C-alpha atoms as a PDB file:
ATOM      1  CA  MET A   1     100.513 107.086  92.418  1.00  0.00           C
ATOM      2  CA  ALA A   2     103.406 107.826  90.076  1.00  0.00           C
ATOM      3  CA  LEU A   3     106.471 105.581  90.064  1.00  0.00           C
ATOM      4  CA  ILE A   4     108.745 106.395  93.016  1.00  0.00           C
ATOM      5  CA  LEU A   5     112.510 105.905  92.580  1.00  0.00           C
ATOM      6  CA  PRO A   6     114.140 106.326  96.015  1.00  0.00           C
ATOM      7  CA  SER A   7     117.489 108.087  95.819  1.00  0.00           C
ATOM      8  CA  GLY A   8     120.450 105.870  96.640  1.00  0.00           C
ATOM      9  CA  TYR A   9     118.315 102.732  96.958  1.00  0.00           C
ATOM     10  CA  VAL A  10     120.225  99.508  97.632  1.00  0.00           C
ATOM     11  CA  PRO A  11     118.306  96.203  98.049  1.00  0.00           C
ATOM     12  CA  LYS A  12     118.665  94.621 101.473  1.00  0.00           C
ATOM     13  CA  LEU A  13     119.107  91.158  99.966  1.00  0.00           C
ATOM     14  CA  VAL A  14     120.689  89.728  96.808  1.00  0.00           C
ATOM     15  CA  PRO A  15     118.230  87.862  94.522  1.00  0.00           C
ATOM     16  CA  GLU A  16     119.146  84.382  95.817  1.00  0.00           C
ATOM     17  CA  LEU A  17     118.599  85.400  99.440  1.00  0.00           C
ATOM     18  CA  MET A  18     115.443  87.267  98.503  1.00  0.00           C
ATOM     19  CA  GLU A  19     113.870  84.016  97.288  1.00  0.00           C
ATOM     20  CA  GLN A  20     114.714  82.306 100.582  1.00  0.00           C
ATOM     21  CA  ALA A  21     113.463  85.254 102.608  1.00  0.00           C
ATOM     22  CA  ILE A  22     110.134  85.363 100.742  1.00  0.00           C
ATOM     23  CA  PHE A  23     109.598  81.657 101.433  1.00  0.00           C
ATOM     24  CA  PHE A  24     110.487  82.122 105.104  1.00  0.00           C
ATOM     25  CA  LEU A  25     108.201  85.138 105.462  1.00  0.00           C
ATOM     26  CA  LYS A  26     105.186  83.513 103.861  1.00  0.00           C
ATOM     27  CA  GLU A  27     105.513  80.317 105.858  1.00  0.00           C
ATOM     28  CA  ASP A  28     106.047  82.173 109.117  1.00  0.00           C
ATOM     29  CA  PHE A  29     103.168  84.593 108.638  1.00  0.00           C
ATOM     30  CA  GLN A  30     100.510  82.147 107.536  1.00  0.00           C
ATOM     31  CA  GLU A  31     101.322  79.774 110.397  1.00  0.00           C
ATOM     32  CA  GLY A  32     101.078  82.652 112.858  1.00  0.00           C
ATOM     33  CA  LEU A  33      97.826  83.925 111.358  1.00  0.00           C
ATOM     34  CA  ALA A  34      96.225  80.476 111.433  1.00  0.00           C
ATOM     35  CA  THR A  35      97.192  79.977 115.074  1.00  0.00           C
ATOM     36  CA  GLU A  36      96.176  83.468 116.240  1.00  0.00           C
ATOM     37  CA  LEU A  37      92.744  83.449 114.561  1.00  0.00           C
ATOM     38  CA  ASN A  38      91.916  79.698 114.732  1.00  0.00           C
ATOM     39  CA  LEU A  39      91.939  79.258 110.969  1.00  0.00           C
ATOM     40  CA  ARG A  40      92.052  76.087 108.879  1.00  0.00           C
ATOM     41  CA  ARG A  41      93.772  76.153 105.490  1.00  0.00           C
ATOM     42  CA  VAL A  42      91.567  75.379 102.447  1.00  0.00           C
ATOM     43  CA  THR A  43      92.082  75.310  98.688  1.00  0.00           C
ATOM     44  CA  ALA A  44      90.711  78.281  96.734  1.00  0.00           C
ATOM     45  CA  PRO A  45      89.372  78.598  93.175  1.00  0.00           C
ATOM     46  CA  LEU A  46      91.150  80.701  90.577  1.00  0.00           C
ATOM     47  CA  PHE A  47      87.855  81.501  88.845  1.00  0.00           C
ATOM     48  CA  VAL A  48      84.100  81.397  89.510  1.00  0.00           C
ATOM     49  CA  LEU A  49      81.004  81.440  87.306  1.00  0.00           C
ATOM     50  CA  SER A  50      79.840  84.838  86.109  1.00  0.00           C
ATOM     51  CA  GLY A  51      76.390  86.048  87.101  1.00  0.00           C
ATOM     52  CA  THR A  52      76.232  84.294  90.472  1.00  0.00           C
ATOM     53  CA  GLY A  53      77.263  87.247  92.628  1.00  0.00           C
ATOM     54  CA  VAL A  54      80.127  85.243  94.152  1.00  0.00           C
ATOM     55  CA  ASN A  55      82.955  87.342  92.713  1.00  0.00           C
ATOM     56  CA  ASP A  56      83.760  90.612  94.440  1.00  0.00           C
ATOM     57  CA  ASP A  57      83.325  94.029  92.877  1.00  0.00           C
ATOM     58  CA  LEU A  58      86.013  95.751  94.979  1.00  0.00           C
ATOM     59  CA  SER A  59      85.348  99.466  94.455  1.00  0.00           C
ATOM     60  CA  GLY A  60      82.790  98.698  91.732  1.00  0.00           C
ATOM     61  CA  VAL A  61      84.727  99.775  88.638  1.00  0.00           C
ATOM     62  CA  GLU A  62      87.264  96.982  88.089  1.00  0.00           C
ATOM     63  CA  ARG A  63      86.511  94.585  85.234  1.00  0.00           C
ATOM     64  CA  ALA A  64      86.994  90.876  85.855  1.00  0.00           C
ATOM     65  CA  VAL A  65      89.078  88.832  83.406  1.00  0.00           C
ATOM     66  CA  SER A  66      86.625  86.338  81.917  1.00  0.00           C
ATOM     67  CA  PHE A  67      86.498  83.456  79.446  1.00  0.00           C
ATOM     68  CA  PRO A  68      83.901  81.042  77.931  1.00  0.00           C
ATOM     69  CA  ILE A  69      83.733  77.409  79.088  1.00  0.00           C
ATOM     70  CA  LYS A  70      83.409  75.169  76.029  1.00  0.00           C
ATOM     71  CA  ASP A  71      82.021  72.173  77.938  1.00  0.00           C
ATOM     72  CA  MET A  72      79.299  74.299  79.540  1.00  0.00           C
ATOM     73  CA  GLY A  73      77.797  75.816  76.423  1.00  0.00           C
ATOM     74  CA  ASP A  74      80.201  78.776  76.508  1.00  0.00           C
ATOM     75  CA  ARG A  75      78.930  79.882  79.881  1.00  0.00           C
ATOM     76  CA  ARG A  76      81.389  82.464  81.151  1.00  0.00           C
ATOM     77  CA  ALA A  77      83.712  82.200  84.105  1.00  0.00           C
ATOM     78  CA  GLU A  78      85.749  85.036  85.569  1.00  0.00           C
ATOM     79  CA  VAL A  79      89.012  85.185  87.469  1.00  0.00           C
ATOM     80  CA  VAL A  80      88.372  86.112  91.083  1.00  0.00           C
ATOM     81  CA  HIS A  81      89.020  89.619  92.389  1.00  0.00           C
ATOM     82  CA  SER A  82      88.987  88.343  95.946  1.00  0.00           C
ATOM     83  CA  LEU A  83      87.174  85.589  97.809  1.00  0.00           C
ATOM     84  CA  ALA A  84      85.109  87.439 100.418  1.00  0.00           C
ATOM     85  CA  LYS A  85      81.811  85.870  99.387  1.00  0.00           C
ATOM     86  CA  TRP A  86      83.204  82.462  98.439  1.00  0.00           C
ATOM     87  CA  LYS A  87      84.813  82.141 101.884  1.00  0.00           C
ATOM     88  CA  ARG A  88      81.544  82.866 103.630  1.00  0.00           C
ATOM     89  CA  MET A  89      79.865  80.138 101.613  1.00  0.00           C
ATOM     90  CA  LYS A  90      82.652  77.757 102.666  1.00  0.00           C
ATOM     91  CA  LEU A  91      82.072  78.590 106.330  1.00  0.00           C
ATOM     92  CA  ALA A  92      78.465  77.492 105.842  1.00  0.00           C
ATOM     93  CA  GLN A  93      79.498  74.329 103.988  1.00  0.00           C
ATOM     94  CA  TYR A  94      81.975  73.350 106.719  1.00  0.00           C
ATOM     95  CA  GLN A  95      79.604  74.446 109.514  1.00  0.00           C
ATOM     96  CA  MET A  96      82.397  76.366 111.219  1.00  0.00           C
ATOM     97  CA  PRO A  97      81.446  77.426 114.778  1.00  0.00           C
ATOM     98  CA  PRO A  98      81.936  81.013 116.028  1.00  0.00           C
ATOM     99  CA  GLY A  99      85.578  81.792 116.717  1.00  0.00           C
ATOM    100  CA  TYR A 100      86.886  79.449 114.011  1.00  0.00           C
ATOM    101  CA  GLY A 101      87.440  79.922 110.311  1.00  0.00           C
ATOM    102  CA  ILE A 102      89.444  79.333 107.155  1.00  0.00           C
ATOM    103  CA  TYR A 103      92.262  80.896 105.172  1.00  0.00           C
ATOM    104  CA  THR A 104      93.568  80.336 101.679  1.00  0.00           C
ATOM    105  CA  ASP A 105      96.001  81.528  99.041  1.00  0.00           C
ATOM    106  CA  MET A 106      94.124  83.838  96.677  1.00  0.00           C
ATOM    107  CA  ASN A 107      95.602  84.587  93.262  1.00  0.00           C
ATOM    108  CA  ALA A 108      93.936  87.159  91.041  1.00  0.00           C
ATOM    109  CA  ILE A 109      94.436  89.165  87.870  1.00  0.00           C
ATOM    110  CA  ARG A 110      93.381  92.806  87.917  1.00  0.00           C
ATOM    111  CA  ALA A 111      93.807  93.980  84.356  1.00  0.00           C
ATOM    112  CA  ASP A 112      92.618  97.539  85.096  1.00  0.00           C
ATOM    113  CA  GLU A 113      95.237  98.167  87.785  1.00  0.00           C
ATOM    114  CA  GLU A 114      97.393 101.276  87.380  1.00  0.00           C
ATOM    115  CA  LEU A 115     100.904  99.885  87.761  1.00  0.00           C
ATOM    116  CA  ASP A 116     103.366 101.497  90.161  1.00  0.00           C
ATOM    117  CA  ASN A 117     105.517 100.592  93.169  1.00  0.00           C
ATOM    118  CA  ILE A 118     102.722  98.819  95.047  1.00  0.00           C
ATOM    119  CA  HIS A 119     100.192  97.860  92.344  1.00  0.00           C
ATOM    120  CA  SER A 120     100.575  94.883  90.027  1.00  0.00           C
ATOM    121  CA  LEU A 121      98.466  93.000  87.498  1.00  0.00           C
ATOM    122  CA  TYR A 122      98.989  89.953  89.691  1.00  0.00           C
ATOM    123  CA  VAL A 123      97.442  89.948  93.155  1.00  0.00           C
ATOM    124  CA  ASP A 124      98.453  87.357  95.747  1.00  0.00           C
ATOM    125  CA  GLN A 125      96.984  87.497  99.206  1.00  0.00           C
ATOM    126  CA  TRP A 126      95.905  85.409 102.135  1.00  0.00           C
ATOM    127  CA  ASP A 127      92.123  85.517 102.201  1.00  0.00           C
ATOM    128  CA  TRP A 128      90.657  84.568 105.575  1.00  0.00           C
ATOM    129  CA  GLU A 129      87.170  84.352 107.066  1.00  0.00           C
ATOM    130  CA  ARG A 130      85.940  83.496 110.562  1.00  0.00           C
ATOM    131  CA  THR A 131      82.445  82.748 111.844  1.00  0.00           C
ATOM    132  CA  ILE A 132      81.169  85.121 114.530  1.00  0.00           C
ATOM    133  CA  ALA A 133      78.193  85.240 116.882  1.00  0.00           C
ATOM    134  CA  PRO A 134      75.506  87.963 116.628  1.00  0.00           C
ATOM    135  CA  GLU A 135      76.930  89.742 119.695  1.00  0.00           C
ATOM    136  CA  ASP A 136      80.318  90.002 117.954  1.00  0.00           C
ATOM    137  CA  ARG A 137      79.043  92.460 115.357  1.00  0.00           C
ATOM    138  CA  ASN A 138      80.565  95.502 117.028  1.00  0.00           C
ATOM    139  CA  LEU A 139      83.597  97.757 116.803  1.00  0.00           C
ATOM    140  CA  ASP A 140      85.332  96.338 119.896  1.00  0.00           C
ATOM    141  CA  TYR A 141      85.352  92.856 118.382  1.00  0.00           C
ATOM    142  CA  LEU A 142      86.725  94.193 115.092  1.00  0.00           C
ATOM    143  CA  CYS A 143      89.520  96.031 116.888  1.00  0.00           C
ATOM    144  CA  ASP A 144      90.419  92.942 118.922  1.00  0.00           C
ATOM    145  CA  VAL A 145      90.893  90.960 115.699  1.00  0.00           C
ATOM    146  CA  VAL A 146      92.971  93.755 114.178  1.00  0.00           C
ATOM    147  CA  GLU A 147      95.245  93.713 117.235  1.00  0.00           C
ATOM    148  CA  ALA A 148      95.632  89.944 116.917  1.00  0.00           C
ATOM    149  CA  ILE A 149      96.726  90.310 113.292  1.00  0.00           C
ATOM    150  CA  TYR A 150      99.105  93.104 114.248  1.00  0.00           C
ATOM    151  CA  ASP A 151     100.673  90.802 116.849  1.00  0.00           C
ATOM    152  CA  VAL A 152     101.448  88.389 114.010  1.00  0.00           C
ATOM    153  CA  PHE A 153     103.083  91.252 112.076  1.00  0.00           C
ATOM    154  CA  LYS A 154     105.249  91.986 115.095  1.00  0.00           C
ATOM    155  CA  ASP A 155     106.229  88.320 115.453  1.00  0.00           C
ATOM    156  CA  VAL A 156     107.180  88.158 111.770  1.00  0.00           C
ATOM    157  CA  GLU A 157     109.266  91.312 112.086  1.00  0.00           C
ATOM    158  CA  ARG A 158     111.184  89.736 114.977  1.00  0.00           C
ATOM    159  CA  GLY A 159     111.707  86.609 112.897  1.00  0.00           C
ATOM    160  CA  VAL A 160     113.099  88.610 109.977  1.00  0.00           C
ATOM    161  CA  TYR A 161     115.491  90.440 112.314  1.00  0.00           C
ATOM    162  CA  ASN A 162     116.728  87.135 113.721  1.00  0.00           C
ATOM    163  CA  GLU A 163     117.410  85.801 110.217  1.00  0.00           C
ATOM    164  CA  TYR A 164     118.684  89.044 108.690  1.00  0.00           C
ATOM    165  CA  PRO A 165     120.043  91.311 111.484  1.00  0.00           C
ATOM    166  CA  HIS A 166     120.686  94.218 109.105  1.00  0.00           C
ATOM    167  CA  ILE A 167     116.896  94.555 108.564  1.00  0.00           C
ATOM    168  CA  ARG A 168     116.008  96.290 111.801  1.00  0.00           C
ATOM    169  CA  PRO A 169     112.502  96.303 113.356  1.00  0.00           C
ATOM    170  CA  ILE A 170     110.530  99.524 112.882  1.00  0.00           C
ATOM    171  CA  LEU A 171     106.914  98.732 113.817  1.00  0.00           C
ATOM    172  CA  PRO A 172     105.514 100.558 116.864  1.00  0.00           C
ATOM    173  CA  ASP A 173     104.447  98.475 119.857  1.00  0.00           C
ATOM    174  CA  GLN A 174     100.766  99.173 119.211  1.00  0.00           C
ATOM    175  CA  ILE A 175      98.577  99.853 116.190  1.00  0.00           C
ATOM    176  CA  THR A 176      96.559 103.093 116.355  1.00  0.00           C
ATOM    177  CA  PHE A 177      92.826 103.105 115.553  1.00  0.00           C
ATOM    178  CA  VAL A 178      91.548 106.111 113.581  1.00  0.00           C
ATOM    179  CA  GLN A 179      88.067 106.841 112.254  1.00  0.00           C
ATOM    180  CA  ALA A 180      87.927 107.993 108.620  1.00  0.00           C
ATOM    181  CA  GLU A 181      85.683 110.881 109.743  1.00  0.00           C
ATOM    182  CA  ASP A 182      88.233 112.044 112.318  1.00  0.00           C
ATOM    183  CA  LEU A 183      90.987 111.768 109.714  1.00  0.00           C
ATOM    184  CA  LEU A 184      89.009 114.068 107.428  1.00  0.00           C
ATOM    185  CA  ASN A 185      88.582 116.576 110.246  1.00  0.00           C
ATOM    186  CA  GLU A 186      92.311 116.474 111.017  1.00  0.00           C
ATOM    187  CA  TYR A 187      93.410 116.971 107.409  1.00  0.00           C
ATOM    188  CA  PRO A 188      90.439 118.630 105.650  1.00  0.00           C
ATOM    189  CA  ASN A 189      92.511 120.046 102.794  1.00  0.00           C
ATOM    190  CA  LEU A 190      94.214 116.797 101.813  1.00  0.00           C
ATOM    191  CA  SER A 191      93.035 114.015  99.515  1.00  0.00           C
ATOM    192  CA  PRO A 192      92.130 110.644 101.080  1.00  0.00           C
ATOM    193  CA  LYS A 193      95.487 109.108 100.139  1.00  0.00           C
ATOM    194  CA  GLU A 194      97.373 112.126 101.412  1.00  0.00           C
ATOM    195  CA  ARG A 195      95.474 111.848 104.694  1.00  0.00           C
ATOM    196  CA  GLU A 196      96.525 108.189 104.933  1.00  0.00           C
ATOM    197  CA  HIS A 197     100.172 109.128 104.377  1.00  0.00           C
ATOM    198  CA  GLU A 198     100.112 111.799 107.073  1.00  0.00           C
ATOM    199  CA  ILE A 199      98.406 109.741 109.765  1.00  0.00           C
ATOM    200  CA  THR A 200     100.601 106.702 109.089  1.00  0.00           C
ATOM    201  CA  ARG A 201     103.732 108.843 109.114  1.00  0.00           C
ATOM    202  CA  LYS A 202     102.593 110.090 112.527  1.00  0.00           C
ATOM    203  CA  TYR A 203     101.838 106.723 114.160  1.00  0.00           C
ATOM    204  CA  GLY A 204     103.704 104.101 112.104  1.00  0.00           C
ATOM    205  CA  ALA A 205     100.813 101.628 112.081  1.00  0.00           C
ATOM    206  CA  VAL A 206      97.139 102.568 111.722  1.00  0.00           C
ATOM    207  CA  PHE A 207      93.812 100.820 111.349  1.00  0.00           C
ATOM    208  CA  LEU A 208      91.550 103.206 109.441  1.00  0.00           C
ATOM    209  CA  ILE A 209      87.919 102.540 110.367  1.00  0.00           C
ATOM    210  CA  GLY A 210      84.879 103.163 108.201  1.00  0.00           C
ATOM    211  CA  VAL A 211      85.909 102.862 104.557  1.00  0.00           C
ATOM    212  CA  GLY A 212      83.010 102.928 102.094  1.00  0.00           C
ATOM    213  CA  HIS A 213      80.429 105.178 103.765  1.00  0.00           C
ATOM    214  CA  LYS A 214      80.108 108.833 102.828  1.00  0.00           C
ATOM    215  CA  LEU A 215      81.852 111.183 105.224  1.00  0.00           C
ATOM    216  CA  SER A 216      80.591 114.572 106.431  1.00  0.00           C
ATOM    217  CA  ASN A 217      81.966 116.233 103.271  1.00  0.00           C
ATOM    218  CA  GLY A 218      79.685 114.029 101.143  1.00  0.00           C
ATOM    219  CA  GLU A 219      82.550 111.907  99.799  1.00  0.00           C
ATOM    220  CA  LYS A 220      83.775 108.405 100.605  1.00  0.00           C
ATOM    221  CA  HIS A 221      87.287 107.904 101.877  1.00  0.00           C
ATOM    222  CA  ASP A 222      87.478 105.037  99.370  1.00  0.00           C
ATOM    223  CA  GLY A 223      85.064 102.758  97.569  1.00  0.00           C
ATOM    224  CA  ARG A 224      83.871  99.402  98.862  1.00  0.00           C
ATOM    225  CA  ALA A 225      81.481  96.920  97.284  1.00  0.00           C
ATOM    226  CA  PRO A 226      78.052  96.881  98.952  1.00  0.00           C
ATOM    227  CA  ASP A 227      77.802  93.151  99.582  1.00  0.00           C
ATOM    228  CA  TYR A 228      80.686  91.997 101.741  1.00  0.00           C
ATOM    229  CA  ASP A 229      82.015  94.521 104.336  1.00  0.00           C
ATOM    230  CA  ASP A 230      79.497  96.287 106.576  1.00  0.00           C
ATOM    231  CA  TRP A 231      80.424  99.950 106.054  1.00  0.00           C
ATOM    232  CA  SER A 232      76.990 101.415 106.780  1.00  0.00           C
ATOM    233  CA  SER A 233      76.218 100.468 110.394  1.00  0.00           C
ATOM    234  CA  GLU A 234      76.387 103.457 112.713  1.00  0.00           C
ATOM    235  CA  THR A 235      78.773 102.645 115.570  1.00  0.00           C
ATOM    236  CA  GLU A 236      78.187 105.931 117.411  1.00  0.00           C
ATOM    237  CA  PRO A 237      76.644 109.259 116.339  1.00  0.00           C
ATOM    238  CA  GLY A 238      78.394 110.447 113.182  1.00  0.00           C
ATOM    239  CA  TYR A 239      80.597 107.358 112.774  1.00  0.00           C
ATOM    240  CA  PHE A 240      79.837 104.512 110.376  1.00  0.00           C
ATOM    241  CA  GLY A 241      81.394 101.219 109.459  1.00  0.00           C
ATOM    242  CA  LEU A 242      82.532  97.910 110.920  1.00  0.00           C
ATOM    243  CA  ASN A 243      85.451  97.635 108.526  1.00  0.00           C
ATOM    244  CA  GLY A 244      88.749  99.251 107.652  1.00  0.00           C
ATOM    245  CA  ASP A 245      92.312  99.040 106.345  1.00  0.00           C
ATOM    246  CA  ILE A 246      95.607  98.202 108.057  1.00  0.00           C
ATOM    247  CA  LEU A 247      98.196 100.811 107.026  1.00  0.00           C
ATOM    248  CA  LEU A 248     101.926 100.696 107.789  1.00  0.00           C
ATOM    249  CA  TRP A 249     104.478 103.446 107.235  1.00  0.00           C
ATOM    250  CA  ASN A 250     106.878 102.465 104.445  1.00  0.00           C
ATOM    251  CA  PRO A 251     110.258 104.091 105.155  1.00  0.00           C
ATOM    252  CA  ILE A 252     111.622 103.290 101.682  1.00  0.00           C
ATOM    253  CA  LEU A 253     108.831 104.961  99.712  1.00  0.00           C
ATOM    254  CA  LYS A 254     108.020 107.427 102.511  1.00  0.00           C
ATOM    255  CA  ARG A 255     104.301 106.807 102.280  1.00  0.00           C
ATOM    256  CA  SER A 256     101.634 104.575 103.787  1.00  0.00           C
ATOM    257  CA  LEU A 257     101.298 100.993 102.607  1.00  0.00           C
ATOM    258  CA  GLU A 258      97.963  99.197 102.866  1.00  0.00           C
ATOM    259  CA  LEU A 259      98.573  95.585 103.880  1.00  0.00           C
ATOM    260  CA  SER A 260      95.010  94.523 104.585  1.00  0.00           C
ATOM    261  CA  SER A 261      91.409  95.417 103.883  1.00  0.00           C
ATOM    262  CA  MET A 262      89.034  93.676 106.271  1.00  0.00           C
ATOM    263  CA  GLY A 263      85.833  93.925 108.230  1.00  0.00           C
ATOM    264  CA  ILE A 264      82.757  92.419 109.783  1.00  0.00           C
ATOM    265  CA  ARG A 265      80.594  91.248 106.909  1.00  0.00           C
ATOM    266  CA  VAL A 266      77.087  92.404 106.077  1.00  0.00           C
ATOM    267  CA  ASP A 267      74.096  90.851 107.746  1.00  0.00           C
ATOM    268  CA  LYS A 268      70.682  90.964 106.058  1.00  0.00           C
ATOM    269  CA  ARG A 269      69.904  94.484 107.247  1.00  0.00           C
ATOM    270  CA  ALA A 270      73.247  95.923 106.176  1.00  0.00           C
ATOM    271  CA  LEU A 271      73.128  94.138 102.810  1.00  0.00           C
ATOM    272  CA  LEU A 272      69.715  95.549 101.920  1.00  0.00           C
ATOM    273  CA  LYS A 273      70.722  99.030 103.082  1.00  0.00           C
ATOM    274  CA  GLN A 274      73.988  99.053 101.141  1.00  0.00           C
ATOM    275  CA  LEU A 275      72.462  97.647  97.949  1.00  0.00           C
ATOM    276  CA  LYS A 276      69.918 100.479  98.109  1.00  0.00           C
ATOM    277  CA  LEU A 277      72.562 103.131  98.806  1.00  0.00           C
ATOM    278  CA  GLU A 278      74.616 101.951  95.825  1.00  0.00           C
ATOM    279  CA  GLY A 279      71.618 101.588  93.491  1.00  0.00           C
ATOM    280  CA  CYS A 280      72.063  97.887  92.827  1.00  0.00           C
ATOM    281  CA  GLU A 281      69.084  96.280  94.545  1.00  0.00           C
ATOM    282  CA  GLU A 282      68.750  93.875  91.601  1.00  0.00           C
ATOM    283  CA  ARG A 283      71.604  91.875  93.124  1.00  0.00           C
ATOM    284  CA  ARG A 284      69.132  90.486  95.660  1.00  0.00           C
ATOM    285  CA  GLU A 285      68.228  87.935  92.981  1.00  0.00           C
ATOM    286  CA  LEU A 286      71.776  86.563  92.685  1.00  0.00           C
ATOM    287  CA  ALA A 287      72.632  83.221  94.276  1.00  0.00           C
ATOM    288  CA  PHE A 288      74.963  84.538  96.975  1.00  0.00           C
ATOM    289  CA  HIS A 289      72.624  87.327  98.012  1.00  0.00           C
ATOM    290  CA  LYS A 290      69.606  85.014  98.139  1.00  0.00           C
ATOM    291  CA  ALA A 291      71.523  82.638 100.388  1.00  0.00           C
ATOM    292  CA  LEU A 292      72.406  85.476 102.778  1.00  0.00           C
ATOM    293  CA  LEU A 293      68.873  86.854 102.840  1.00  0.00           C
ATOM    294  CA  ASN A 294      67.515  83.333 103.478  1.00  0.00           C
ATOM    295  CA  ASP A 295      69.762  82.868 106.552  1.00  0.00           C
ATOM    296  CA  GLU A 296      71.814  80.176 104.820  1.00  0.00           C
ATOM    297  CA  LEU A 297      75.176  81.865 105.519  1.00  0.00           C
ATOM    298  CA  PRO A 298      76.799  82.493 108.905  1.00  0.00           C
ATOM    299  CA  LEU A 299      77.720  85.884 110.280  1.00  0.00           C
ATOM    300  CA  SER A 300      81.422  86.420 109.731  1.00  0.00           C
ATOM    301  CA  ILE A 301      84.471  88.640 109.779  1.00  0.00           C
ATOM    302  CA  GLY A 302      87.222  88.433 107.193  1.00  0.00           C
ATOM    303  CA  GLY A 303      89.716  90.119 104.959  1.00  0.00           C
ATOM    304  CA  GLY A 304      92.691  89.859 102.677  1.00  0.00           C
ATOM    305  CA  ILE A 305      96.371  90.355 103.487  1.00  0.00           C
ATOM    306  CA  GLY A 306      98.701  91.044 100.589  1.00  0.00           C
ATOM    307  CA  GLN A 307     101.483  88.471 100.372  1.00  0.00           C
ATOM    308  CA  SER A 308     103.858  90.367  98.102  1.00  0.00           C
ATOM    309  CA  ARG A 309     103.141  93.638  99.897  1.00  0.00           C
ATOM    310  CA  LEU A 310     103.953  91.971 103.200  1.00  0.00           C
ATOM    311  CA  CYS A 311     107.268  90.725 101.762  1.00  0.00           C
ATOM    312  CA  MET A 312     107.911  94.128 100.243  1.00  0.00           C
ATOM    313  CA  PHE A 313     107.442  95.838 103.605  1.00  0.00           C
ATOM    314  CA  PHE A 314     109.400  93.472 105.838  1.00  0.00           C
ATOM    315  CA  LEU A 315     112.276  93.067 103.352  1.00  0.00           C
ATOM    316  CA  ARG A 316     112.361  96.836 102.704  1.00  0.00           C
ATOM    317  CA  CYS A 317     111.789  96.637  98.945  1.00  0.00           C
ATOM    318  CA  ALA A 318     111.178  99.739  96.833  1.00  0.00           C
ATOM    319  CA  HIS A 319     108.871  97.967  94.351  1.00  0.00           C
ATOM    320  CA  ILE A 320     106.432  95.083  94.626  1.00  0.00           C
ATOM    321  CA  GLY A 321     108.076  93.633  91.519  1.00  0.00           C
ATOM    322  CA  GLU A 322     111.072  92.721  93.678  1.00  0.00           C
ATOM    323  CA  ALA A 323     108.847  90.337  95.652  1.00  0.00           C
ATOM    324  CA  GLN A 324     106.736  88.787  92.879  1.00  0.00           C
ATOM    325  CA  ALA A 325     106.876  87.797  89.218  1.00  0.00           C
ATOM    326  CA  SER A 326     104.534  89.816  86.989  1.00  0.00           C
ATOM    327  CA  ILE A 327     104.435  91.870  83.779  1.00  0.00           C
ATOM    328  CA  TRP A 328     105.701  95.453  83.793  1.00  0.00           C
ATOM    329  CA  PRO A 329     105.833  98.169  81.120  1.00  0.00           C
ATOM    330  CA  PRO A 330     109.267  98.221  79.417  1.00  0.00           C
ATOM    331  CA  GLU A 331     109.834 101.841  80.394  1.00  0.00           C
ATOM    332  CA  MET A 332     109.157 100.993  84.063  1.00  0.00           C
ATOM    333  CA  ILE A 333     111.681  98.149  83.925  1.00  0.00           C
ATOM    334  CA  ARG A 334     114.291 100.493  82.459  1.00  0.00           C
ATOM    335  CA  GLU A 335     113.672 103.299  84.948  1.00  0.00           C
ATOM    336  CA  CYS A 336     113.748 100.909  87.891  1.00  0.00           C
ATOM    337  CA  ALA A 337     116.961  99.283  86.693  1.00  0.00           C
ATOM    338  CA  LYS A 338     118.650 102.720  86.571  1.00  0.00           C
ATOM    339  CA  ALA A 339     117.596 103.235  90.229  1.00  0.00           C
ATOM    340  CA  GLY A 340     118.933  99.845  91.365  1.00  0.00           C
ATOM    341  CA  ILE A 341     115.503  98.167  91.453  1.00  0.00           C
ATOM    342  CA  ALA A 342     115.470  94.791  89.685  1.00  0.00           C
ATOM    343  CA  LEU A 343     111.958  93.775  88.644  1.00  0.00           C
ATOM    344  CA  ARG A 344     111.151  90.128  88.036  1.00  0.00           C
END
């Protein structure tokens, strides 16, 4: 995605009010999320030990920022990409019953990120995870949780409007569920991102199901690591995946904005299948994977919700750098300043 400079852009809030609004938004959303999903707040690590399988591989190409630990014989640690596996281990440690879970502030550094309006070197998100029962591993359960999260989005939007009446609500009453395979059939000549833009422009809010499995054209809609989301289970003939992304239409950038990637997590069968499909069966020997295969971890559902992206959407920002402090290329800072976009 190239840098987008919306014509005639004027920030909805001056910098001082923006700081207050960000605080209000974050407090309001996380309280609503915790209540809606029965989540308990926990403290998260900034880094984990390398070689344990705990860190996430995202799409499989991002390199983790790592460093040696002097007091541990220079054993390496790496800054987390997300906490999908760590959270599941915490559910086991806390013996969380089905229907209850945890959430945390996750802060990450993604040095390989291509910087633009919605991508930053600094990633801040609410990572959450909830224990589920075996009978909950189905698409209906996933969609029910998505609708619960969307209800929190709607509540936050109402709260923003009450505080700042010039920021008018735009979310549709309901979120629309779309299979990645059906999206391909509807827009066969578009790229995956272009398909996301078109479907989100059409409905306003979309949950795109089945991200990670190959579609009928032999390509994936997008990459997913093989060892957290279950993207390989067949839900009905020709449709795969118990995971997906929440996409909202961004009226400032005139494109879709992904606010959450989430899903029902792999069980033993799905883990072994996905490791084989991705050619990384050696991971079975890592600590996390052994624990899962030995029935030491609960079944779960979870995901991440971008904090700065959420603020960017609800406060109608043109660049994520208006909602967070990070490092930006000098030329990007200059071009944004000319367009009325003040990066932190």
